[in-house]
Amino acid sequence: MEKFIDAEYLSAKEKGQIHKHFERFVNGGFQRNDFANRLYEHLHLHCGFIAHYSISGFYDTYFNGNKNELETFVEHFLEREELSGGYKYNGYNCADKPYRDINVAMANILYDKLYKNNKKVLIK
C-alpha cells in the first residue's frame, strides 16, 4: 500500500483513490471505461498534461490505439535514455512536489506493467 501525504488540492485519501484508478486503468489495458474523471483531472491539473478540452478528448488523444500517442503519454512520466538495442528508464518527469508521491507511484505502475523484468511491452 502506497503512503501519500496531503497536498493543497488533494488529500492523501484522494491520492490513494487516484492511484487505484490509475492502476486499474493501466492493468486493464487503457480501456475507456476504466478512465475515471478523477484520474483525468489529476493528469491535467497535477501532471503537466493539457486537458484536450474534455475527458473524451484527452482519452482519444493518448489511448485511441495510436502507438505513438501512447508512447508520448508514457514518456511524459518516464525519462528514458536510448541505448543500443533498447532504452534504459531512469527517472520520472512529473515528480515535482507536492504531488511527487502520487506521480512517482503512477510512474512505477507504468514501469512495472510495461518494462520490468523484460516483459513484452506496448511500446519500444
C-alpha atoms as a PDB file:
ATOM      1  CA  MET A   1       0.000   0.000   0.000  1.00  0.00           C
ATOM      2  CA  GLU A   2       1.360   3.388  -1.016  1.00  0.00           C
ATOM      3  CA  LYS A   3       1.675   6.139   1.575  1.00  0.00           C
ATOM      4  CA  PHE A   4       0.606   9.565   0.405  1.00  0.00           C
ATOM      5  CA  ILE A   5       0.672  12.947   2.096  1.00  0.00           C
ATOM      6  CA  ASP A   6      -1.904  15.702   1.963  1.00  0.00           C
ATOM      7  CA  ALA A   7      -1.320  18.439  -0.611  1.00  0.00           C
ATOM      8  CA  GLU A   8      -3.093  21.744  -1.077  1.00  0.00           C
ATOM      9  CA  TYR A   9      -5.565  20.417  -3.625  1.00  0.00           C
ATOM     10  CA  LEU A  10      -5.558  16.662  -2.905  1.00  0.00           C
ATOM     11  CA  SER A  11      -5.774  14.833   0.379  1.00  0.00           C
ATOM     12  CA  ALA A  12      -3.754  11.680   0.973  1.00  0.00           C
ATOM     13  CA  LYS A  13      -7.012   9.723   0.695  1.00  0.00           C
ATOM     14  CA  GLU A  14      -7.809  11.286  -2.699  1.00  0.00           C
ATOM     15  CA  LYS A  15      -4.302  10.489  -3.925  1.00  0.00           C
ATOM     16  CA  GLY A  16      -4.878   6.875  -2.896  1.00  0.00           C
ATOM     17  CA  GLN A  17      -8.105   6.774  -4.892  1.00  0.00           C
ATOM     18  CA  ILE A  18      -6.385   8.219  -7.965  1.00  0.00           C
ATOM     19  CA  HIS A  19      -3.620   5.645  -7.574  1.00  0.00           C
ATOM     20  CA  LYS A  20      -6.189   2.830  -7.563  1.00  0.00           C
ATOM     21  CA  HIS A  21      -7.940   4.276 -10.632  1.00  0.00           C
ATOM     22  CA  PHE A  22      -4.641   4.556 -12.489  1.00  0.00           C
ATOM     23  CA  GLU A  23      -3.572   1.041 -11.572  1.00  0.00           C
ATOM     24  CA  ARG A  24      -6.898  -0.383 -12.801  1.00  0.00           C
ATOM     25  CA  PHE A  25      -6.633   1.716 -15.993  1.00  0.00           C
ATOM     26  CA  VAL A  26      -3.086   0.580 -16.828  1.00  0.00           C
ATOM     27  CA  ASN A  27      -3.534  -3.054 -15.807  1.00  0.00           C
ATOM     28  CA  GLY A  28      -6.789  -3.212 -17.760  1.00  0.00           C
ATOM     29  CA  GLY A  29      -5.051  -2.177 -20.977  1.00  0.00           C
ATOM     30  CA  PHE A  30      -6.055   1.521 -21.033  1.00  0.00           C
ATOM     31  CA  GLN A  31      -9.762   0.848 -21.516  1.00  0.00           C
ATOM     32  CA  ARG A  32     -12.100   3.852 -21.685  1.00  0.00           C
ATOM     33  CA  ASN A  33     -14.465   2.502 -19.037  1.00  0.00           C
ATOM     34  CA  ASP A  34     -11.515   2.468 -16.568  1.00  0.00           C
ATOM     35  CA  PHE A  35     -10.534   6.077 -17.292  1.00  0.00           C
ATOM     36  CA  ALA A  36     -12.171   7.836 -14.343  1.00  0.00           C
ATOM     37  CA  ASN A  37     -12.880  11.564 -14.267  1.00  0.00           C
ATOM     38  CA  ARG A  38     -10.813  11.858 -11.056  1.00  0.00           C
ATOM     39  CA  LEU A  39      -7.813  10.417 -12.922  1.00  0.00           C
ATOM     40  CA  TYR A  40      -8.335  12.747 -15.877  1.00  0.00           C
ATOM     41  CA  GLU A  41      -8.496  15.769 -13.558  1.00  0.00           C
ATOM     42  CA  HIS A  42      -5.256  14.773 -11.828  1.00  0.00           C
ATOM     43  CA  LEU A  43      -3.435  14.223 -15.116  1.00  0.00           C
ATOM     44  CA  HIS A  44      -4.194  17.649 -16.496  1.00  0.00           C
ATOM     45  CA  LEU A  45      -4.065  19.589 -13.206  1.00  0.00           C
ATOM     46  CA  HIS A  46      -1.051  17.998 -11.491  1.00  0.00           C
ATOM     47  CA  CYS A  47       0.942  16.059 -14.097  1.00  0.00           C
ATOM     48  CA  GLY A  48       1.577  18.669 -16.755  1.00  0.00           C
ATOM     49  CA  PHE A  49      -0.731  17.299 -19.452  1.00  0.00           C
ATOM     50  CA  ILE A  50      -3.036  19.627 -21.336  1.00  0.00           C
ATOM     51  CA  ALA A  51      -6.744  18.983 -20.869  1.00  0.00           C
ATOM     52  CA  HIS A  52      -7.642  18.454 -24.557  1.00  0.00           C
ATOM     53  CA  TYR A  53     -10.991  20.182 -23.858  1.00  0.00           C
ATOM     54  CA  SER A  54     -12.601  17.173 -22.150  1.00  0.00           C
ATOM     55  CA  ILE A  55     -12.042  13.713 -20.742  1.00  0.00           C
ATOM     56  CA  SER A  56     -13.085  12.267 -24.109  1.00  0.00           C
ATOM     57  CA  GLY A  57     -10.645  14.491 -25.987  1.00  0.00           C
ATOM     58  CA  PHE A  58      -7.836  13.534 -23.608  1.00  0.00           C
ATOM     59  CA  TYR A  59      -8.600   9.823 -23.884  1.00  0.00           C
ATOM     60  CA  ASP A  60      -8.900   9.962 -27.676  1.00  0.00           C
ATOM     61  CA  THR A  61      -5.563  11.771 -27.921  1.00  0.00           C
ATOM     62  CA  TYR A  62      -3.471   9.275 -25.955  1.00  0.00           C
ATOM     63  CA  PHE A  63      -5.347   5.974 -25.880  1.00  0.00           C
ATOM     64  CA  ASN A  64      -7.082   5.658 -29.251  1.00  0.00           C
ATOM     65  CA  GLY A  65      -4.882   2.783 -30.387  1.00  0.00           C
ATOM     66  CA  ASN A  66      -2.159   5.017 -31.836  1.00  0.00           C
ATOM     67  CA  LYS A  67       1.112   3.552 -30.567  1.00  0.00           C
ATOM     68  CA  ASN A  68       2.928   6.893 -30.908  1.00  0.00           C
ATOM     69  CA  GLU A  69       0.425   8.734 -28.738  1.00  0.00           C
ATOM     70  CA  LEU A  70       0.528   6.063 -26.035  1.00  0.00           C
ATOM     71  CA  GLU A  71       4.316   6.324 -26.133  1.00  0.00           C
ATOM     72  CA  THR A  72       4.011  10.106 -25.691  1.00  0.00           C
ATOM     73  CA  PHE A  73       1.824   9.567 -22.623  1.00  0.00           C
ATOM     74  CA  VAL A  74       4.214   7.034 -21.076  1.00  0.00           C
ATOM     75  CA  GLU A  75       7.298   9.129 -21.801  1.00  0.00           C
ATOM     76  CA  HIS A  76       5.692  12.065 -20.028  1.00  0.00           C
ATOM     77  CA  PHE A  77       6.091  10.021 -16.832  1.00  0.00           C
ATOM     78  CA  LEU A  78       9.305   8.137 -17.550  1.00  0.00           C
ATOM     79  CA  GLU A  79      12.643   9.601 -18.588  1.00  0.00           C
ATOM     80  CA  ARG A  80      14.448   7.329 -20.975  1.00  0.00           C
ATOM     81  CA  GLU A  81      17.941   7.079 -22.332  1.00  0.00           C
ATOM     82  CA  GLU A  82      18.419   5.457 -25.707  1.00  0.00           C
ATOM     83  CA  LEU A  83      20.915   2.603 -25.694  1.00  0.00           C
ATOM     84  CA  SER A  84      21.933   0.195 -28.395  1.00  0.00           C
ATOM     85  CA  GLY A  85      19.214  -2.410 -28.519  1.00  0.00           C
ATOM     86  CA  GLY A  86      16.653  -0.502 -26.479  1.00  0.00           C
ATOM     87  CA  TYR A  87      16.082   2.058 -23.762  1.00  0.00           C
ATOM     88  CA  LYS A  88      17.001   2.469 -20.133  1.00  0.00           C
ATOM     89  CA  TYR A  89      14.349   4.082 -17.950  1.00  0.00           C
ATOM     90  CA  ASN A  90      15.949   6.150 -15.242  1.00  0.00           C
ATOM     91  CA  GLY A  91      13.616   8.677 -13.753  1.00  0.00           C
ATOM     92  CA  TYR A  92      10.312  10.467 -13.619  1.00  0.00           C
ATOM     93  CA  ASN A  93       9.350  13.614 -15.487  1.00  0.00           C
ATOM     94  CA  CYS A  94       6.351  14.753 -13.474  1.00  0.00           C
ATOM     95  CA  ALA A  95       7.617  14.225  -9.951  1.00  0.00           C
ATOM     96  CA  ASP A  96       7.549  17.752  -8.537  1.00  0.00           C
ATOM     97  CA  LYS A  97       6.247  18.434  -5.041  1.00  0.00           C
ATOM     98  CA  PRO A  98       3.586  18.474  -3.641  1.00  0.00           C
ATOM     99  CA  TYR A  99       2.354  15.721  -5.966  1.00  0.00           C
ATOM    100  CA  ARG A 100       5.626  13.834  -6.204  1.00  0.00           C
ATOM    101  CA  ASP A 101       4.343  10.917  -4.123  1.00  0.00           C
ATOM    102  CA  ILE A 102       1.325  10.140  -6.314  1.00  0.00           C
ATOM    103  CA  ASN A 103       3.099  10.901  -9.604  1.00  0.00           C
ATOM    104  CA  VAL A 104       6.074   8.652  -8.791  1.00  0.00           C
ATOM    105  CA  ALA A 105       3.643   5.914  -7.710  1.00  0.00           C
ATOM    106  CA  MET A 106       1.833   6.286 -11.046  1.00  0.00           C
ATOM    107  CA  ALA A 107       5.128   6.173 -12.952  1.00  0.00           C
ATOM    108  CA  ASN A 108       6.041   3.000 -11.074  1.00  0.00           C
ATOM    109  CA  ILE A 109       2.780   1.409 -12.179  1.00  0.00           C
ATOM    110  CA  LEU A 110       3.624   2.205 -15.809  1.00  0.00           C
ATOM    111  CA  TYR A 111       7.172   0.975 -15.459  1.00  0.00           C
ATOM    112  CA  ASP A 112       6.173  -2.255 -13.710  1.00  0.00           C
ATOM    113  CA  LYS A 113       3.473  -3.024 -16.277  1.00  0.00           C
ATOM    114  CA  LEU A 114       5.413  -2.133 -19.407  1.00  0.00           C
ATOM    115  CA  TYR A 115       9.120  -2.675 -18.752  1.00  0.00           C
ATOM    116  CA  LYS A 116      10.015  -4.529 -15.562  1.00  0.00           C
ATOM    117  CA  ASN A 117      11.617  -7.952 -15.968  1.00  0.00           C
ATOM    118  CA  ASN A 118      11.812  -7.576 -19.749  1.00  0.00           C
ATOM    119  CA  LYS A 119       8.098  -8.107 -20.192  1.00  0.00           C
ATOM    120  CA  LYS A 120       6.714  -7.758 -23.662  1.00  0.00           C
ATOM    121  CA  VAL A 121       5.899  -4.074 -23.800  1.00  0.00           C
ATOM    122  CA  LEU A 122       3.311  -1.963 -25.565  1.00  0.00           C
ATOM    123  CA  ILE A 123       5.926   0.457 -26.856  1.00  0.00           C
ATOM    124  CA  LYS A 124       9.583   0.295 -27.865  1.00  0.00           C
END
